[in-house]
Amino acid sequence: MKAQMRVVILMLLIASGIFVLAQEKSNKCGTWRWDVKTLTDKDGTGLLSAKPIPSSIDQLVKEKPPKNLKDDDLSDGKLPRYPTENQVVEITAYVITFGDKDKDHDRDLHLTLKSPSSVNTMIGEIPDPTCQVFDNSPALRELFKQVRIDANKVKDALKKSKKSVKVKITGVPFWDGAEEKRQKGVSKYNREIHPILKIEIIK
């Protein structure tokens, strides 16, 4: 009987350990330039108090990156924040799709944004606040919780109206890497708003 109890306890401990490891793994989220994407790098949190610069999708997507970054290049994936990523911009855009599908397995919310005055598009993303990277950044965790709440209002409006939703977005421009299969709406030079810091529906 005691031997059976030991086996049961051992199995429970093993199962518990596997669950904890799986949970930790699931909460790690992304890796590629992840500190820059989530503002957890040394310059990131300072952007929270930066005054937004008026800009537009048309202006952002025509700028060329310092170099063409590749998703499968480990050295590119460790590059620090570029000067052109060390700013906060405010743009007006139409949200044309709201992506729950996590193609990058980083649990970001993906929004396809379109310029109000041209056919130009770009991607905007919101990190998952439950990701492990925010364990030591409670202010960022709370921020992205709220941004996701507001983004879901846009999602609801998109479903209800069956047409694009006009929004004002505040966020940080980011240079993403090029890969063979990209989601619809990616800009020519892989410029994104990542992360989105604020989103609100406008008339």
Foldseek 3Di string as FASTA:
>chain_A
DVVVVVVVVVVVVVVVVVVVVVVLVLQQFDQQLVCLLLLVPPLRVVQVPADADEDELVRQLVDADPDAAAPPDVVNSPDHDDPLQNHKHKYKWWFFDWDCDDPVRRRWIWTWTQTPVDRAIAIETQGQLSHPSCPVPVVSSVQSVVQVVQVVVLVVVCVVVVGIFIKMWMATKDQDHDDDDDDPRHGPRRIYRRHTRHMHTDD
